[in-house]
Amino acid sequence: ILTGTYASDMGPWTPDAGKAIRYRDRLGRSDLAVLYNVSAEFAWSLDQRSLADRARSAVFSSVPDAVLVSGAITGEAAAMTDLESVKAVLPDTPVLANTGVKHATVAEVLKIADGCIVGSSLKVDGDTWKPVDPDRAAEFMRIVREARGG
């Protein structure tokens, strides 16, 4: 999360996109992509605007390399309507599903999102805290290639 103000069970969040970009610049890594999550896991936006409006504003003001759309917690899928609304207002910005993408849903998610960030689904027994299961990862990527026509 790099824009907005959020309430969470860990206290308030007030991120600073500028700080992240300045740090990237100090590192001399203009090639380092910065991804902005516009719907935080474990937190709720205090902004009254729609998710699509917040995403559009973040892209205009903070110029992320991609925008992430998340579900409420790790492993919980983002609502497809959230992905659709954000992608509709950001046709020229990569939009990624950030949570809850599973083997059974990745083909549908990729019809809307430009990509996804996957963790739990690739782990042993689908458990966030376990290591990556190479067989689960290979099967997931097989489904992705098939969904993309490859």
N, C-alpha and C. Protein backbone atom coordinates (compact mmCIF):
# COMPACT_ATOMS: atom_id res chain seq x y z
N ILE A 1 0.85 -1.17 0.00
CA ILE A 1 0.00 0.00 0.00
C ILE A 1 0.90 1.23 0.00
N LEU A 2 0.73 2.06 -1.01
CA LEU A 2 1.56 3.26 -1.08
C LEU A 2 0.75 4.54 -1.17
N THR A 3 -0.55 4.44 -1.24
CA THR A 3 -1.39 5.64 -1.28
C THR A 3 -2.62 5.43 -0.41
N GLY A 4 -3.20 6.51 0.07
CA GLY A 4 -4.43 6.44 0.86
C GLY A 4 -4.15 6.38 2.35
N THR A 5 -5.24 6.30 3.11
CA THR A 5 -5.17 6.14 4.56
C THR A 5 -6.10 5.00 4.93
N TYR A 6 -5.63 4.13 5.80
CA TYR A 6 -6.35 2.90 6.12
C TYR A 6 -6.45 2.69 7.62
N ALA A 7 -7.52 2.01 8.02
CA ALA A 7 -7.66 1.53 9.40
C ALA A 7 -7.42 0.03 9.35
N SER A 8 -6.66 -0.48 10.30
CA SER A 8 -6.38 -1.91 10.32
C SER A 8 -6.33 -2.41 11.75
N ASP A 9 -6.31 -3.72 11.90
CA ASP A 9 -6.18 -4.29 13.23
C ASP A 9 -4.78 -4.07 13.80
N MET A 10 -3.87 -3.54 12.98
CA MET A 10 -2.52 -3.21 13.42
C MET A 10 -2.36 -1.72 13.65
N GLY A 11 -3.47 -0.97 13.59
CA GLY A 11 -3.43 0.47 13.76
C GLY A 11 -3.60 1.18 12.43
N PRO A 12 -3.56 2.51 12.43
CA PRO A 12 -3.75 3.26 11.19
C PRO A 12 -2.53 3.16 10.27
N TRP A 13 -2.81 3.18 8.98
CA TRP A 13 -1.75 3.18 7.97
C TRP A 13 -1.87 4.45 7.16
N THR A 14 -0.78 5.17 7.04
CA THR A 14 -0.73 6.33 6.16
C THR A 14 0.55 6.20 5.34
N PRO A 15 0.47 5.48 4.23
CA PRO A 15 1.65 5.23 3.42
C PRO A 15 2.17 6.48 2.72
N ASP A 16 3.39 6.39 2.22
CA ASP A 16 4.04 7.52 1.57
C ASP A 16 4.69 7.03 0.28
N ALA A 17 3.97 7.17 -0.84
CA ALA A 17 4.50 6.72 -2.13
C ALA A 17 5.79 7.44 -2.48
N GLY A 18 5.85 8.72 -2.17
CA GLY A 18 7.05 9.49 -2.48
C GLY A 18 8.30 8.93 -1.83
N LYS A 19 8.16 8.47 -0.61
CA LYS A 19 9.30 7.90 0.11
C LYS A 19 9.82 6.66 -0.61
N ALA A 20 8.91 5.82 -1.08
CA ALA A 20 9.32 4.61 -1.80
C ALA A 20 10.02 4.95 -3.11
N ILE A 21 9.49 5.92 -3.84
CA ILE A 21 10.09 6.31 -5.11
C ILE A 21 11.46 6.96 -4.88
N ARG A 22 11.55 7.81 -3.86
CA ARG A 22 12.86 8.43 -3.55
C ARG A 22 13.89 7.38 -3.15
N TYR A 23 13.47 6.36 -2.41
CA TYR A 23 14.38 5.29 -2.01
C TYR A 23 14.87 4.53 -3.25
N ARG A 24 13.94 4.22 -4.17
CA ARG A 24 14.32 3.55 -5.41
C ARG A 24 15.35 4.41 -6.16
N ASP A 25 15.11 5.72 -6.20
CA ASP A 25 16.04 6.63 -6.90
C ASP A 25 17.41 6.65 -6.22
N ARG A 26 17.43 6.66 -4.88
CA ARG A 26 18.71 6.65 -4.15
C ARG A 26 19.49 5.37 -4.43
N LEU A 27 18.77 4.28 -4.65
CA LEU A 27 19.42 3.01 -4.98
C LEU A 27 19.94 3.00 -6.41
N GLY A 28 19.51 3.98 -7.20
CA GLY A 28 19.91 4.01 -8.61
C GLY A 28 19.24 2.91 -9.41
N ARG A 29 18.03 2.54 -9.01
CA ARG A 29 17.33 1.41 -9.62
C ARG A 29 16.02 1.85 -10.28
N SER A 30 16.13 2.69 -11.29
CA SER A 30 14.93 3.12 -12.00
C SER A 30 14.25 1.95 -12.70
N ASP A 31 14.97 0.83 -12.85
CA ASP A 31 14.39 -0.37 -13.46
C ASP A 31 13.58 -1.20 -12.46
N LEU A 32 13.61 -0.84 -11.20
CA LEU A 32 12.88 -1.57 -10.16
C LEU A 32 11.41 -1.17 -10.19
N ALA A 33 10.54 -2.11 -10.51
CA ALA A 33 9.11 -1.82 -10.62
C ALA A 33 8.51 -1.56 -9.25
N VAL A 34 7.60 -0.59 -9.20
CA VAL A 34 6.87 -0.29 -7.97
C VAL A 34 5.40 -0.60 -8.23
N LEU A 35 4.86 -1.53 -7.44
CA LEU A 35 3.48 -1.97 -7.58
C LEU A 35 2.67 -1.40 -6.43
N TYR A 36 1.53 -0.80 -6.73
CA TYR A 36 0.69 -0.16 -5.71
C TYR A 36 -0.55 -0.99 -5.47
N ASN A 37 -0.70 -1.45 -4.25
CA ASN A 37 -1.92 -2.14 -3.86
C ASN A 37 -2.95 -1.07 -3.51
N VAL A 38 -4.07 -1.07 -4.20
CA VAL A 38 -5.09 -0.05 -3.95
C VAL A 38 -6.25 -0.57 -3.10
N SER A 39 -6.16 -1.83 -2.69
CA SER A 39 -7.18 -2.40 -1.80
C SER A 39 -6.46 -3.31 -0.81
N ALA A 40 -6.09 -2.76 0.29
CA ALA A 40 -5.20 -3.42 1.24
C ALA A 40 -5.79 -4.68 1.85
N GLU A 41 -4.91 -5.65 2.06
CA GLU A 41 -5.27 -6.81 2.87
C GLU A 41 -5.22 -6.37 4.34
N PHE A 42 -6.10 -6.89 5.13
CA PHE A 42 -6.10 -6.64 6.58
C PHE A 42 -6.36 -5.19 6.96
N ALA A 43 -6.88 -4.39 6.04
CA ALA A 43 -7.13 -2.98 6.34
C ALA A 43 -8.29 -2.48 5.48
N TRP A 44 -8.86 -1.35 5.89
CA TRP A 44 -10.02 -0.78 5.22
C TRP A 44 -9.73 0.68 4.93
N SER A 45 -9.98 1.07 3.68
CA SER A 45 -9.72 2.44 3.28
C SER A 45 -10.67 3.39 4.00
N LEU A 46 -10.13 4.50 4.47
CA LEU A 46 -10.94 5.55 5.08
C LEU A 46 -11.46 6.52 4.02
N ASP A 47 -11.01 6.34 2.80
CA ASP A 47 -11.43 7.17 1.66
C ASP A 47 -12.83 6.74 1.23
N GLN A 48 -13.70 7.69 0.98
CA GLN A 48 -15.08 7.39 0.60
C GLN A 48 -15.26 7.20 -0.91
N ARG A 49 -14.22 7.45 -1.68
CA ARG A 49 -14.32 7.27 -3.13
C ARG A 49 -14.37 5.78 -3.48
N SER A 50 -14.86 5.48 -4.66
CA SER A 50 -14.88 4.10 -5.13
C SER A 50 -13.45 3.60 -5.31
N LEU A 51 -13.29 2.28 -5.31
CA LEU A 51 -11.98 1.69 -5.53
C LEU A 51 -11.42 2.13 -6.88
N ALA A 52 -12.26 2.16 -7.91
CA ALA A 52 -11.81 2.58 -9.23
C ALA A 52 -11.29 4.02 -9.20
N ASP A 53 -12.00 4.90 -8.51
CA ASP A 53 -11.55 6.29 -8.42
C ASP A 53 -10.24 6.41 -7.65
N ARG A 54 -10.09 5.64 -6.58
CA ARG A 54 -8.84 5.67 -5.82
C ARG A 54 -7.68 5.16 -6.68
N ALA A 55 -7.93 4.10 -7.45
CA ALA A 55 -6.89 3.54 -8.31
C ALA A 55 -6.49 4.54 -9.39
N ARG A 56 -7.47 5.17 -10.01
CA ARG A 56 -7.19 6.16 -11.06
C ARG A 56 -6.38 7.33 -10.49
N SER A 57 -6.73 7.77 -9.30
CA SER A 57 -6.02 8.86 -8.65
C SER A 57 -4.58 8.45 -8.33
N ALA A 58 -4.39 7.23 -7.83
CA ALA A 58 -3.04 6.75 -7.50
C ALA A 58 -2.16 6.71 -8.74
N VAL A 59 -2.72 6.27 -9.86
CA VAL A 59 -1.93 6.21 -11.09
C VAL A 59 -1.58 7.62 -11.57
N PHE A 60 -2.53 8.53 -11.48
CA PHE A 60 -2.28 9.91 -11.92
C PHE A 60 -1.23 10.59 -11.05
N SER A 61 -1.35 10.45 -9.75
CA SER A 61 -0.49 11.21 -8.84
C SER A 61 0.83 10.53 -8.52
N SER A 62 0.87 9.20 -8.58
CA SER A 62 2.05 8.50 -8.08
C SER A 62 2.74 7.62 -9.11
N VAL A 63 2.16 7.47 -10.28
CA VAL A 63 2.74 6.79 -11.43
C VAL A 63 3.33 5.40 -11.10
N PRO A 64 2.50 4.48 -10.63
CA PRO A 64 3.01 3.13 -10.35
C PRO A 64 3.28 2.37 -11.64
N ASP A 65 4.10 1.34 -11.54
CA ASP A 65 4.34 0.47 -12.69
C ASP A 65 3.18 -0.49 -12.90
N ALA A 66 2.47 -0.81 -11.83
CA ALA A 66 1.27 -1.65 -11.90
C ALA A 66 0.44 -1.40 -10.66
N VAL A 67 -0.83 -1.75 -10.75
CA VAL A 67 -1.77 -1.61 -9.64
C VAL A 67 -2.21 -3.01 -9.21
N LEU A 68 -2.26 -3.23 -7.90
CA LEU A 68 -2.70 -4.51 -7.35
C LEU A 68 -4.08 -4.36 -6.73
N VAL A 69 -4.91 -5.38 -6.92
CA VAL A 69 -6.23 -5.41 -6.31
C VAL A 69 -6.29 -6.67 -5.44
N SER A 70 -6.60 -6.49 -4.16
CA SER A 70 -6.55 -7.58 -3.19
C SER A 70 -7.91 -7.91 -2.61
N GLY A 71 -7.98 -9.10 -2.03
CA GLY A 71 -9.11 -9.46 -1.20
C GLY A 71 -8.86 -8.94 0.21
N ALA A 72 -9.77 -9.27 1.12
CA ALA A 72 -9.69 -8.74 2.48
C ALA A 72 -8.51 -9.27 3.28
N ILE A 73 -8.10 -10.51 3.01
CA ILE A 73 -6.97 -11.11 3.73
C ILE A 73 -6.16 -11.99 2.78
N THR A 74 -4.98 -12.38 3.21
CA THR A 74 -4.14 -13.27 2.43
C THR A 74 -4.93 -14.52 2.06
N GLY A 75 -4.85 -14.91 0.80
CA GLY A 75 -5.52 -16.11 0.33
C GLY A 75 -6.97 -15.92 -0.06
N GLU A 76 -7.54 -14.75 0.21
CA GLU A 76 -8.93 -14.48 -0.16
C GLU A 76 -8.94 -13.68 -1.46
N ALA A 77 -9.72 -14.15 -2.41
CA ALA A 77 -9.74 -13.53 -3.73
C ALA A 77 -10.30 -12.11 -3.71
N ALA A 78 -9.76 -11.29 -4.56
CA ALA A 78 -10.35 -9.98 -4.82
C ALA A 78 -11.66 -10.22 -5.56
N ALA A 79 -12.63 -9.38 -5.32
CA ALA A 79 -13.90 -9.50 -6.04
C ALA A 79 -13.65 -9.23 -7.52
N MET A 80 -14.22 -10.07 -8.37
CA MET A 80 -14.06 -9.87 -9.81
C MET A 80 -14.59 -8.49 -10.22
N THR A 81 -15.63 -8.03 -9.55
CA THR A 81 -16.17 -6.70 -9.88
C THR A 81 -15.15 -5.61 -9.55
N ASP A 82 -14.34 -5.81 -8.50
CA ASP A 82 -13.28 -4.84 -8.19
C ASP A 82 -12.22 -4.84 -9.29
N LEU A 83 -11.80 -6.03 -9.71
CA LEU A 83 -10.82 -6.11 -10.80
C LEU A 83 -11.36 -5.45 -12.06
N GLU A 84 -12.62 -5.74 -12.38
CA GLU A 84 -13.24 -5.17 -13.58
C GLU A 84 -13.31 -3.64 -13.52
N SER A 85 -13.73 -3.11 -12.38
CA SER A 85 -13.88 -1.65 -12.28
C SER A 85 -12.53 -0.94 -12.34
N VAL A 86 -11.52 -1.52 -11.72
CA VAL A 86 -10.19 -0.90 -11.77
C VAL A 86 -9.61 -1.00 -13.18
N LYS A 87 -9.70 -2.16 -13.80
CA LYS A 87 -9.16 -2.31 -15.16
C LYS A 87 -9.89 -1.39 -16.14
N ALA A 88 -11.18 -1.18 -15.94
CA ALA A 88 -11.95 -0.33 -16.85
C ALA A 88 -11.45 1.11 -16.85
N VAL A 89 -11.00 1.60 -15.70
CA VAL A 89 -10.52 3.00 -15.64
C VAL A 89 -9.01 3.11 -15.87
N LEU A 90 -8.32 1.97 -15.92
CA LEU A 90 -6.86 1.97 -16.12
C LEU A 90 -6.47 1.06 -17.29
N PRO A 91 -6.99 1.31 -18.48
CA PRO A 91 -6.71 0.40 -19.59
C PRO A 91 -5.23 0.35 -19.99
N ASP A 92 -4.47 1.38 -19.66
CA ASP A 92 -3.06 1.44 -20.06
C ASP A 92 -2.09 1.14 -18.92
N THR A 93 -2.62 0.73 -17.78
CA THR A 93 -1.79 0.39 -16.62
C THR A 93 -2.00 -1.08 -16.29
N PRO A 94 -0.93 -1.85 -16.10
CA PRO A 94 -1.12 -3.24 -15.70
C PRO A 94 -1.87 -3.32 -14.37
N VAL A 95 -2.89 -4.16 -14.33
CA VAL A 95 -3.68 -4.40 -13.12
C VAL A 95 -3.52 -5.88 -12.78
N LEU A 96 -3.06 -6.16 -11.56
CA LEU A 96 -2.81 -7.53 -11.13
C LEU A 96 -3.72 -7.91 -9.98
N ALA A 97 -4.23 -9.13 -10.01
CA ALA A 97 -4.94 -9.68 -8.86
C ALA A 97 -3.87 -10.06 -7.84
N ASN A 98 -4.04 -9.62 -6.60
CA ASN A 98 -2.96 -9.76 -5.63
C ASN A 98 -3.18 -10.86 -4.60
N THR A 99 -4.38 -11.33 -4.44
CA THR A 99 -4.63 -12.36 -3.41
C THR A 99 -5.65 -13.37 -3.91
N GLY A 100 -5.55 -14.57 -3.38
CA GLY A 100 -6.60 -15.57 -3.55
C GLY A 100 -6.77 -16.19 -4.92
N VAL A 101 -5.80 -16.03 -5.80
CA VAL A 101 -5.91 -16.66 -7.12
C VAL A 101 -5.53 -18.13 -6.97
N LYS A 102 -6.42 -18.98 -7.40
CA LYS A 102 -6.24 -20.42 -7.25
C LYS A 102 -6.23 -21.11 -8.61
N HIS A 103 -5.86 -22.37 -8.60
CA HIS A 103 -5.85 -23.15 -9.84
C HIS A 103 -7.21 -23.07 -10.53
N ALA A 104 -8.27 -23.18 -9.77
CA ALA A 104 -9.62 -23.22 -10.32
C ALA A 104 -10.11 -21.86 -10.82
N THR A 105 -9.43 -20.77 -10.44
CA THR A 105 -9.91 -19.43 -10.80
C THR A 105 -8.98 -18.64 -11.69
N VAL A 106 -7.74 -19.07 -11.85
CA VAL A 106 -6.76 -18.24 -12.55
C VAL A 106 -7.17 -17.95 -13.99
N ALA A 107 -7.77 -18.89 -14.70
CA ALA A 107 -8.16 -18.64 -16.09
C ALA A 107 -9.19 -17.51 -16.16
N GLU A 108 -10.15 -17.49 -15.25
CA GLU A 108 -11.16 -16.42 -15.22
C GLU A 108 -10.54 -15.09 -14.81
N VAL A 109 -9.66 -15.12 -13.83
CA VAL A 109 -9.00 -13.89 -13.37
C VAL A 109 -8.22 -13.25 -14.52
N LEU A 110 -7.53 -14.07 -15.31
CA LEU A 110 -6.70 -13.54 -16.39
C LEU A 110 -7.51 -13.03 -17.58
N LYS A 111 -8.80 -13.26 -17.58
CA LYS A 111 -9.66 -12.65 -18.60
C LYS A 111 -9.83 -11.16 -18.33
N ILE A 112 -9.59 -10.75 -17.07
CA ILE A 112 -9.73 -9.35 -16.67
C ILE A 112 -8.37 -8.75 -16.34
N ALA A 113 -7.68 -9.37 -15.41
CA ALA A 113 -6.41 -8.85 -14.92
C ALA A 113 -5.28 -9.15 -15.90
N ASP A 114 -4.26 -8.31 -15.86
CA ASP A 114 -3.09 -8.50 -16.71
C ASP A 114 -2.15 -9.57 -16.16
N GLY A 115 -2.34 -9.92 -14.91
CA GLY A 115 -1.52 -10.92 -14.27
C GLY A 115 -1.96 -11.09 -12.84
N CYS A 116 -1.20 -11.87 -12.08
CA CYS A 116 -1.56 -12.09 -10.68
C CYS A 116 -0.31 -12.38 -9.86
N ILE A 117 -0.43 -12.11 -8.59
CA ILE A 117 0.61 -12.44 -7.63
C ILE A 117 0.06 -13.61 -6.83
N VAL A 118 0.81 -14.69 -6.79
CA VAL A 118 0.28 -15.92 -6.20
C VAL A 118 1.23 -16.43 -5.13
N GLY A 119 0.70 -16.83 -4.01
CA GLY A 119 1.50 -17.39 -2.93
C GLY A 119 0.89 -18.67 -2.41
N SER A 120 -0.14 -18.53 -1.60
CA SER A 120 -0.73 -19.66 -0.89
C SER A 120 -1.10 -20.81 -1.81
N SER A 121 -1.63 -20.51 -2.97
CA SER A 121 -2.09 -21.54 -3.89
C SER A 121 -0.97 -22.46 -4.36
N LEU A 122 0.25 -21.95 -4.32
CA LEU A 122 1.40 -22.74 -4.78
C LEU A 122 2.09 -23.49 -3.65
N LYS A 123 1.65 -23.28 -2.44
CA LYS A 123 2.31 -23.88 -1.28
C LYS A 123 1.78 -25.30 -1.01
N VAL A 124 2.55 -26.08 -0.29
CA VAL A 124 2.13 -27.42 0.11
C VAL A 124 0.77 -27.32 0.80
N ASP A 125 -0.18 -28.09 0.35
CA ASP A 125 -1.55 -28.11 0.88
C ASP A 125 -2.25 -26.75 0.77
N GLY A 126 -1.72 -25.83 -0.04
CA GLY A 126 -2.31 -24.50 -0.17
C GLY A 126 -2.20 -23.66 1.09
N ASP A 127 -1.26 -24.01 1.96
CA ASP A 127 -1.07 -23.34 3.25
C ASP A 127 0.00 -22.25 3.14
N THR A 128 -0.38 -21.02 3.42
CA THR A 128 0.51 -19.86 3.32
C THR A 128 1.86 -20.09 4.00
N TRP A 129 1.86 -20.79 5.12
CA TRP A 129 3.06 -20.91 5.94
C TRP A 129 3.96 -22.07 5.53
N LYS A 130 3.53 -22.87 4.55
CA LYS A 130 4.34 -24.01 4.10
C LYS A 130 5.16 -23.61 2.88
N PRO A 131 6.16 -24.43 2.53
CA PRO A 131 6.99 -24.10 1.36
C PRO A 131 6.23 -24.31 0.04
N VAL A 132 6.79 -23.77 -1.02
CA VAL A 132 6.22 -23.95 -2.35
C VAL A 132 6.28 -25.42 -2.72
N ASP A 133 5.20 -25.91 -3.29
CA ASP A 133 5.11 -27.28 -3.79
C ASP A 133 5.39 -27.21 -5.30
N PRO A 134 6.52 -27.74 -5.76
CA PRO A 134 6.87 -27.64 -7.18
C PRO A 134 5.79 -28.20 -8.11
N ASP A 135 5.12 -29.26 -7.70
CA ASP A 135 4.07 -29.84 -8.55
C ASP A 135 2.87 -28.90 -8.65
N ARG A 136 2.49 -28.28 -7.53
CA ARG A 136 1.37 -27.32 -7.57
C ARG A 136 1.74 -26.12 -8.43
N ALA A 137 2.98 -25.66 -8.31
CA ALA A 137 3.42 -24.51 -9.11
C ALA A 137 3.43 -24.85 -10.60
N ALA A 138 3.91 -26.03 -10.95
CA ALA A 138 3.95 -26.44 -12.35
C ALA A 138 2.54 -26.56 -12.92
N GLU A 139 1.63 -27.13 -12.17
CA GLU A 139 0.24 -27.26 -12.63
C GLU A 139 -0.41 -25.89 -12.78
N PHE A 140 -0.15 -25.00 -11.85
CA PHE A 140 -0.69 -23.64 -11.93
C PHE A 140 -0.23 -22.97 -13.23
N MET A 141 1.06 -23.06 -13.51
CA MET A 141 1.61 -22.43 -14.71
C MET A 141 1.10 -23.11 -15.98
N ARG A 142 0.82 -24.40 -15.94
CA ARG A 142 0.22 -25.07 -17.09
C ARG A 142 -1.14 -24.46 -17.38
N ILE A 143 -1.93 -24.22 -16.33
CA ILE A 143 -3.25 -23.62 -16.49
C ILE A 143 -3.12 -22.19 -17.04
N VAL A 144 -2.15 -21.44 -16.54
CA VAL A 144 -1.92 -20.07 -17.02
C VAL A 144 -1.58 -20.09 -18.51
N ARG A 145 -0.65 -20.95 -18.91
CA ARG A 145 -0.26 -21.01 -20.33
C ARG A 145 -1.46 -21.37 -21.20
N GLU A 146 -2.26 -22.32 -20.74
CA GLU A 146 -3.46 -22.71 -21.48
C GLU A 146 -4.45 -21.54 -21.58
N ALA A 147 -4.63 -20.83 -20.49
CA ALA A 147 -5.56 -19.69 -20.48
C ALA A 147 -5.09 -18.58 -21.43
N ARG A 148 -3.80 -18.46 -21.59
CA ARG A 148 -3.24 -17.42 -22.46
C ARG A 148 -3.04 -17.91 -23.90
N GLY A 149 -3.52 -19.12 -24.16
CA GLY A 149 -3.47 -19.64 -25.51
C GLY A 149 -2.14 -20.23 -25.92
N GLY A 150 -1.34 -20.59 -24.93
CA GLY A 150 0.00 -21.09 -25.24
C GLY A 150 0.24 -22.45 -24.85
